C-alpha atoms as a PDB file:
ATOM      1  CA  MET A   1      -0.003   0.001   0.003  1.00  0.00           C
ATOM      2  CA  ASP A   2       1.168   3.513  -0.819  1.00  0.00           C
ATOM      3  CA  GLU A   3       2.526   4.983   2.439  1.00  0.00           C
ATOM      4  CA  ARG A   4       1.270   8.458   1.604  1.00  0.00           C
ATOM      5  CA  ILE A   5      -2.260   7.156   0.988  1.00  0.00           C
ATOM      6  CA  SER A   6      -2.267   5.169   4.237  1.00  0.00           C
ATOM      7  CA  LYS A   7      -1.127   8.213   6.233  1.00  0.00           C
ATOM      8  CA  SER A   8      -3.810  10.315   4.571  1.00  0.00           C
ATOM      9  CA  GLU A   9      -6.454   7.695   5.443  1.00  0.00           C
ATOM     10  CA  LEU A  10      -5.213   7.504   9.035  1.00  0.00           C
ATOM     11  CA  THR A  11      -5.327  11.279   9.398  1.00  0.00           C
ATOM     12  CA  TYR A  12      -8.793  11.445   7.833  1.00  0.00           C
ATOM     13  CA  SER A  13     -10.129   8.910  10.344  1.00  0.00           C
ATOM     14  CA  TRP A  14      -8.366  10.665  13.234  1.00  0.00           C
ATOM     15  CA  ILE A  15      -9.835  14.062  12.467  1.00  0.00           C
ATOM     16  CA  ARG A  16     -13.271  12.739  11.572  1.00  0.00           C
ATOM     17  CA  GLU A  17     -13.608  10.814  14.841  1.00  0.00           C
ATOM     18  CA  ARG A  18     -12.891  13.991  16.781  1.00  0.00           C
ATOM     19  CA  ILE A  19     -15.430  15.997  14.795  1.00  0.00           C
ATOM     20  CA  ILE A  20     -18.132  13.363  15.228  1.00  0.00           C
ATOM     21  CA  GLY A  21     -17.282  12.935  18.893  1.00  0.00           C
ATOM     22  CA  ARG A  22     -17.482  16.707  19.398  1.00  0.00           C
ATOM     23  CA  GLU A  23     -13.880  16.915  20.634  1.00  0.00           C
ATOM     24  CA  PHE A  24     -13.513  19.308  17.697  1.00  0.00           C
ATOM     25  CA  ASN A  25     -16.648  21.446  17.905  1.00  0.00           C
ATOM     26  CA  PRO A  26     -18.151  23.503  15.061  1.00  0.00           C
ATOM     27  CA  GLY A  27     -15.831  26.421  14.395  1.00  0.00           C
ATOM     28  CA  TYR A  28     -12.757  24.623  15.791  1.00  0.00           C
ATOM     29  CA  ARG A  29      -9.701  25.658  13.831  1.00  0.00           C
ATOM     30  CA  LEU A  30      -7.728  22.817  12.246  1.00  0.00           C
ATOM     31  CA  VAL A  31      -4.078  23.821  12.254  1.00  0.00           C
ATOM     32  CA  LEU A  32      -2.470  21.506   9.714  1.00  0.00           C
ATOM     33  CA  GLY A  33       1.052  21.881  11.125  1.00  0.00           C
ATOM     34  CA  SER A  34      -0.080  21.071  14.654  1.00  0.00           C
ATOM     35  CA  ILE A  35      -2.013  18.008  13.514  1.00  0.00           C
ATOM     36  CA  ALA A  36       0.946  16.800  11.505  1.00  0.00           C
ATOM     37  CA  LYS A  37       3.248  17.242  14.510  1.00  0.00           C
ATOM     38  CA  GLU A  38       0.878  15.375  16.813  1.00  0.00           C
ATOM     39  CA  LEU A  39       0.569  12.463  14.404  1.00  0.00           C
ATOM     40  CA  GLY A  40       4.259  12.470  13.527  1.00  0.00           C
ATOM     41  CA  ILE A  41       3.724  12.946   9.805  1.00  0.00           C
ATOM     42  CA  SER A  42       4.206  15.638   7.185  1.00  0.00           C
ATOM     43  CA  VAL A  43       1.636  18.273   6.333  1.00  0.00           C
ATOM     44  CA  VAL A  44       0.858  16.713   2.904  1.00  0.00           C
ATOM     45  CA  PRO A  45      -1.357  13.812   4.135  1.00  0.00           C
ATOM     46  CA  VAL A  46      -3.021  16.154   6.640  1.00  0.00           C
ATOM     47  CA  ARG A  47      -3.905  18.530   3.812  1.00  0.00           C
ATOM     48  CA  GLU A  48      -5.308  15.630   1.750  1.00  0.00           C
ATOM     49  CA  ALA A  49      -7.429  14.429   4.679  1.00  0.00           C
ATOM     50  CA  VAL A  50      -8.793  17.928   5.338  1.00  0.00           C
ATOM     51  CA  ARG A  51      -9.692  18.377   1.680  1.00  0.00           C
ATOM     52  CA  ARG A  52     -11.573  15.088   1.784  1.00  0.00           C
ATOM     53  CA  LEU A  53     -13.470  16.192   4.886  1.00  0.00           C
ATOM     54  CA  GLU A  54     -14.249  19.460   3.139  1.00  0.00           C
ATOM     55  CA  ALA A  55     -15.775  17.544   0.223  1.00  0.00           C
ATOM     56  CA  GLU A  56     -17.997  15.731   2.744  1.00  0.00           C
ATOM     57  CA  GLY A  57     -19.078  19.006   4.303  1.00  0.00           C
ATOM     58  CA  LEU A  58     -17.479  18.405   7.689  1.00  0.00           C
ATOM     59  CA  VAL A  59     -14.777  21.003   7.232  1.00  0.00           C
ATOM     60  CA  GLU A  60     -14.850  24.476   5.649  1.00  0.00           C
ATOM     61  CA  PHE A  61     -12.192  27.003   4.722  1.00  0.00           C
ATOM     62  CA  GLU A  62     -12.498  30.598   5.856  1.00  0.00           C
ATOM     63  CA  ARG A  63     -10.468  33.376   4.292  1.00  0.00           C
ATOM     64  CA  ASN A  64      -7.497  34.465   6.398  1.00  0.00           C
ATOM     65  CA  VAL A  65      -8.333  31.764   8.944  1.00  0.00           C
ATOM     66  CA  GLY A  66      -7.887  28.467   7.169  1.00  0.00           C
ATOM     67  CA  ALA A  67      -9.625  25.134   7.811  1.00  0.00           C
ATOM     68  CA  ARG A  68     -12.153  24.806  10.573  1.00  0.00           C
ATOM     69  CA  VAL A  69     -14.911  22.411  11.548  1.00  0.00           C
ATOM     70  CA  ALA A  70     -18.058  23.381   9.656  1.00  0.00           C
ATOM     71  CA  MET A  71     -20.586  25.453  11.572  1.00  0.00           C
ATOM     72  CA  VAL A  72     -24.016  23.993  12.371  1.00  0.00           C
ATOM     73  CA  ASN A  73     -26.805  25.338  10.219  1.00  0.00           C
ATOM     74  CA  GLN A  74     -30.338  24.213  11.050  1.00  0.00           C
ATOM     75  CA  ASP A  75     -31.642  24.739   7.551  1.00  0.00           C
ATOM     76  CA  GLU A  76     -28.696  22.833   6.120  1.00  0.00           C
ATOM     77  CA  TYR A  77     -29.460  19.975   8.536  1.00  0.00           C
ATOM     78  CA  ILE A  78     -33.007  19.771   7.247  1.00  0.00           C
ATOM     79  CA  ASP A  79     -31.835  19.929   3.620  1.00  0.00           C
ATOM     80  CA  THR A  80     -29.292  17.175   4.253  1.00  0.00           C
ATOM     81  CA  MET A  81     -31.914  14.967   5.898  1.00  0.00           C
ATOM     82  CA  GLN A  82     -34.340  15.453   3.036  1.00  0.00           C
ATOM     83  CA  THR A  83     -31.657  14.671   0.476  1.00  0.00           C
ATOM     84  CA  LEU A  84     -30.535  11.627   2.404  1.00  0.00           C
ATOM     85  CA  GLY A  85     -34.122  10.349   2.387  1.00  0.00           C
ATOM     86  CA  VAL A  86     -34.178  10.432  -1.383  1.00  0.00           C
ATOM     87  CA  LEU A  87     -30.778   8.816  -1.705  1.00  0.00           C
ATOM     88  CA  GLU A  88     -31.411   6.101   0.858  1.00  0.00           C
ATOM     89  CA  GLY A  89     -34.739   5.247  -0.680  1.00  0.00           C
ATOM     90  CA  ALA A  90     -33.187   4.826  -4.120  1.00  0.00           C
ATOM     91  CA  ALA A  91     -30.145   2.940  -2.806  1.00  0.00           C
ATOM     92  CA  THR A  92     -32.304   0.511  -0.805  1.00  0.00           C
ATOM     93  CA  ALA A  93     -34.608  -0.142  -3.761  1.00  0.00           C
ATOM     94  CA  LEU A  94     -31.650  -0.834  -6.024  1.00  0.00           C
ATOM     95  CA  ALA A  95     -30.099  -3.146  -3.421  1.00  0.00           C
ATOM     96  CA  LEU A  96     -33.207  -5.361  -3.172  1.00  0.00           C
ATOM     97  CA  PRO A  97     -32.169  -8.018  -5.776  1.00  0.00           C
ATOM     98  CA  TRP A  98     -28.840  -8.566  -3.961  1.00  0.00           C
ATOM     99  CA  MET A  99     -30.229  -8.594  -0.410  1.00  0.00           C
ATOM    100  CA  ASP A 100     -30.254 -11.950   1.364  1.00  0.00           C
ATOM    101  CA  ASP A 101     -31.683 -13.355   4.582  1.00  0.00           C
ATOM    102  CA  ALA A 102     -28.477 -12.569   6.458  1.00  0.00           C
ATOM    103  CA  ASP A 103     -28.757  -8.882   5.538  1.00  0.00           C
ATOM    104  CA  LEU A 104     -32.329  -8.737   6.762  1.00  0.00           C
ATOM    105  CA  ALA A 105     -31.457 -10.628   9.956  1.00  0.00           C
ATOM    106  CA  ARG A 106     -28.671  -8.171  10.684  1.00  0.00           C
ATOM    107  CA  ALA A 107     -30.967  -5.183  10.107  1.00  0.00           C
ATOM    108  CA  GLN A 108     -33.622  -6.749  12.335  1.00  0.00           C
ATOM    109  CA  ALA A 109     -31.100  -7.397  15.096  1.00  0.00           C
ATOM    110  CA  ILE A 110     -29.989  -3.767  14.978  1.00  0.00           C
ATOM    111  CA  ASN A 111     -33.576  -2.562  15.158  1.00  0.00           C
ATOM    112  CA  ASP A 112     -34.261  -4.933  18.062  1.00  0.00           C
ATOM    113  CA  SER A 113     -31.305  -3.350  19.876  1.00  0.00           C
ATOM    114  CA  MET A 114     -32.822   0.060  19.206  1.00  0.00           C
ATOM    115  CA  ARG A 115     -36.131  -1.129  20.639  1.00  0.00           C
ATOM    116  CA  ALA A 116     -34.421  -2.425  23.764  1.00  0.00           C
ATOM    117  CA  MET A 117     -32.776   0.964  24.235  1.00  0.00           C
ATOM    118  CA  LEU A 118     -36.063   2.871  24.375  1.00  0.00           C
ATOM    119  CA  GLU A 119     -36.530   2.360  28.128  1.00  0.00           C
ATOM    120  CA  ASP A 120     -33.057   3.589  29.074  1.00  0.00           C
ATOM    121  CA  PHE A 121     -32.688   6.026  26.230  1.00  0.00           C
ATOM    122  CA  ASP A 122     -29.267   7.145  25.031  1.00  0.00           C
ATOM    123  CA  PRO A 123     -29.864   9.430  22.020  1.00  0.00           C
ATOM    124  CA  VAL A 124     -26.274   9.306  20.698  1.00  0.00           C
ATOM    125  CA  ALA A 125     -26.062   5.486  20.882  1.00  0.00           C
ATOM    126  CA  PHE A 126     -29.571   5.247  19.390  1.00  0.00           C
ATOM    127  CA  THR A 127     -28.523   7.464  16.482  1.00  0.00           C
ATOM    128  CA  SER A 128     -25.445   5.314  15.899  1.00  0.00           C
ATOM    129  CA  LEU A 129     -27.583   2.175  15.687  1.00  0.00           C
ATOM    130  CA  ASN A 130     -30.035   4.001  13.435  1.00  0.00           C
ATOM    131  CA  GLU A 131     -27.244   4.727  10.965  1.00  0.00           C
ATOM    132  CA  LYS A 132     -26.091   1.077  11.061  1.00  0.00           C
ATOM    133  CA  PHE A 133     -29.650  -0.076  10.369  1.00  0.00           C
ATOM    134  CA  HIS A 134     -29.992   2.054   7.239  1.00  0.00           C
ATOM    135  CA  ARG A 135     -26.522   1.196   5.990  1.00  0.00           C
ATOM    136  CA  ALA A 136     -27.363  -2.493   6.374  1.00  0.00           C
ATOM    137  CA  LEU A 137     -30.254  -1.997   3.944  1.00  0.00           C
ATOM    138  CA  PHE A 138     -28.455  -0.106   1.208  1.00  0.00           C
ATOM    139  CA  GLN A 139     -24.941  -1.605   1.531  1.00  0.00           C
ATOM    140  CA  ARG A 140     -25.516  -3.861  -1.497  1.00  0.00           C
ATOM    141  CA  CYS A 141     -26.631  -1.029  -3.772  1.00  0.00           C
ATOM    142  CA  PRO A 142     -24.971  -1.760  -7.135  1.00  0.00           C
ATOM    143  CA  ASN A 143     -24.780   1.905  -8.122  1.00  0.00           C
ATOM    144  CA  PRO A 144     -21.527   3.269  -6.623  1.00  0.00           C
ATOM    145  CA  HIS A 145     -22.498   6.885  -7.296  1.00  0.00           C
ATOM    146  CA  ILE A 146     -25.692   6.689  -5.244  1.00  0.00           C
ATOM    147  CA  SER A 147     -23.954   4.686  -2.491  1.00  0.00           C
ATOM    148  CA  GLU A 148     -21.170   7.253  -2.256  1.00  0.00           C
ATOM    149  CA  LEU A 149     -23.642  10.128  -2.074  1.00  0.00           C
ATOM    150  CA  ALA A 150     -25.592   8.335   0.672  1.00  0.00           C
ATOM    151  CA  ASP A 151     -22.337   7.803   2.571  1.00  0.00           C
ATOM    152  CA  ARG A 152     -21.491  11.458   2.262  1.00  0.00           C
ATOM    153  CA  GLY A 153     -24.983  12.342   3.486  1.00  0.00           C
ATOM    154  CA  TRP A 154     -24.516  10.300   6.634  1.00  0.00           C
ATOM    155  CA  ASN A 155     -21.061  11.760   7.187  1.00  0.00           C
ATOM    156  CA  ARG A 156     -22.465  15.241   6.824  1.00  0.00           C
ATOM    157  CA  MET A 157     -25.291  14.383   9.199  1.00  0.00           C
ATOM    158  CA  SER A 158     -22.815  13.266  11.821  1.00  0.00           C
ATOM    159  CA  GLY A 159     -20.976  16.535  11.568  1.00  0.00           C
ATOM    160  CA  LEU A 160     -24.139  18.620  11.906  1.00  0.00           C
ATOM    161  CA  ARG A 161     -25.731  16.714  14.788  1.00  0.00           C
ATOM    162  CA  SER A 162     -24.286  14.058  17.065  1.00  0.00           C
ATOM    163  CA  SER A 163     -27.858  12.890  17.564  1.00  0.00           C
ATOM    164  CA  THR A 164     -31.115  13.817  15.899  1.00  0.00           C
ATOM    165  CA  PHE A 165     -32.996  11.989  18.643  1.00  0.00           C
ATOM    166  CA  ALA A 166     -31.560  14.259  21.320  1.00  0.00           C
ATOM    167  CA  PHE A 167     -33.752  16.960  19.791  1.00  0.00           C
ATOM    168  CA  VAL A 168     -36.812  14.789  19.065  1.00  0.00           C
ATOM    169  CA  PRO A 169     -36.652  11.873  21.564  1.00  0.00           C
ATOM    170  CA  GLY A 170     -40.359  11.225  21.101  1.00  0.00           C
ATOM    171  CA  ARG A 171     -39.635  10.247  17.526  1.00  0.00           C
ATOM    172  CA  ALA A 172     -37.536   7.215  18.573  1.00  0.00           C
ATOM    173  CA  PRO A 173     -40.366   4.646  19.257  1.00  0.00           C
ATOM    174  CA  ARG A 174     -42.106   5.534  16.021  1.00  0.00           C
ATOM    175  CA  SER A 175     -38.823   5.253  14.134  1.00  0.00           C
ATOM    176  CA  VAL A 176     -38.354   1.678  15.381  1.00  0.00           C
ATOM    177  CA  GLN A 177     -41.899   0.812  14.254  1.00  0.00           C
ATOM    178  CA  GLU A 178     -41.245   2.247  10.806  1.00  0.00           C
ATOM    179  CA  HIS A 179     -38.052   0.181  10.543  1.00  0.00           C
ATOM    180  CA  ASP A 180     -40.150  -2.917  11.213  1.00  0.00           C
ATOM    181  CA  GLU A 181     -42.578  -1.858   8.496  1.00  0.00           C
ATOM    182  CA  ILE A 182     -39.745  -1.365   5.976  1.00  0.00           C
ATOM    183  CA  LEU A 183     -38.369  -4.818   6.802  1.00  0.00           C
ATOM    184  CA  ARG A 184     -41.855  -6.309   6.424  1.00  0.00           C
ATOM    185  CA  LEU A 185     -42.209  -4.794   2.952  1.00  0.00           C
ATOM    186  CA  ILE A 186     -38.846  -6.188   1.909  1.00  0.00           C
ATOM    187  CA  ARG A 187     -39.619  -9.680   3.248  1.00  0.00           C
ATOM    188  CA  GLU A 188     -42.978  -9.710   1.469  1.00  0.00           C
ATOM    189  CA  ASN A 189     -41.348  -8.662  -1.825  1.00  0.00           C
ATOM    190  CA  ALA A 190     -43.313  -5.446  -2.116  1.00  0.00           C
ATOM    191  CA  GLU A 191     -42.802  -3.315  -5.212  1.00  0.00           C
ATOM    192  CA  PRO A 192     -39.406  -1.579  -5.172  1.00  0.00           C
ATOM    193  CA  LEU A 193     -41.057   1.796  -5.580  1.00  0.00           C
ATOM    194  CA  GLU A 194     -43.226   1.176  -2.479  1.00  0.00           C
ATOM    195  CA  ILE A 195     -40.117   0.278  -0.462  1.00  0.00           C
ATOM    196  CA  GLU A 196     -38.237   3.278  -1.815  1.00  0.00           C
ATOM    197  CA  MET A 197     -41.029   5.623  -0.804  1.00  0.00           C
ATOM    198  CA  ALA A 198     -41.327   3.973   2.651  1.00  0.00           C
ATOM    199  CA  VAL A 199     -37.632   4.643   3.289  1.00  0.00           C
ATOM    200  CA  ARG A 200     -37.903   8.214   1.989  1.00  0.00           C
ATOM    201  CA  GLN A 201     -41.029   9.042   4.013  1.00  0.00           C
ATOM    202  CA  HIS A 202     -39.447   7.507   7.121  1.00  0.00           C
ATOM    203  CA  LYS A 203     -36.594   9.997   6.888  1.00  0.00           C
ATOM    204  CA  TRP A 204     -38.872  12.884   6.011  1.00  0.00           C
ATOM    205  CA  ARG A 205     -41.119  12.240   9.045  1.00  0.00           C
ATOM    206  CA  THR A 206     -38.052  12.726  11.217  1.00  0.00           C
ATOM    207  CA  VAL A 207     -37.403  16.021   9.412  1.00  0.00           C
ATOM    208  CA  GLU A 208     -40.995  17.122  10.102  1.00  0.00           C
ATOM    209  CA  ALA A 209     -40.714  16.162  13.772  1.00  0.00           C
ATOM    210  CA  TYR A 210     -37.482  18.131  14.060  1.00  0.00           C
ATOM    211  CA  ARG A 211     -38.981  21.139  12.308  1.00  0.00           C
ATOM    212  CA  GLN A 212     -42.008  21.116  14.615  1.00  0.00           C
ATOM    213  CA  GLN A 213     -39.804  20.842  17.689  1.00  0.00           C
ATOM    214  CA  ARG A 214     -37.648  23.731  16.501  1.00  0.00           C
ATOM    215  CA  ASN A 215     -40.677  25.952  15.807  1.00  0.00           C
ATOM    216  CA  SER A 216     -42.180  25.242  19.208  1.00  0.00           C
ATOM    217  CA  SER A 217     -39.001  25.996  21.158  1.00  0.00           C
END
């Protein structure tokens, strides 16, 4: 493996984990030289990693300041969620012919874990499981462009909010029920378009719950 590529990948993961974990909060300045010194590498792979994070929307460049963690924008969050609903719906529908019983069993197990978490609710852990559930459904999408865009959408979501369900905790039980409904449609070989729309509407209902919560606060 190319050493430069591996260092770039390592740096990308290192920075991303700290953005998602809120160790690097929105607006945090990313000093390339300092990161390179801490990781014991040159600035080149750090710059490559930061550019990759910029493409995913997790990092932005400000004139005369440099790279910083992207600021949270509520409207952008809603736009990202709506877009992700469209992408996930399409990716899941395209993945259907390649989905097997093991894929469905894994998705069901994740959703069961989410259901078990409802009594002792941890919104960040719940959100993490929610992402794993949806990725389990569209992971076999044969269209790499749609899959990559869905991946970027989830990465962007993580940077904007560590947990959607921290803002709309009442949405969590309904979300688990809707996951069960999506799995039922897949098992019963429903029309791909019906499954695509079920996934899309599932995401958009969360958007609507978030919007209502924001307007009432």
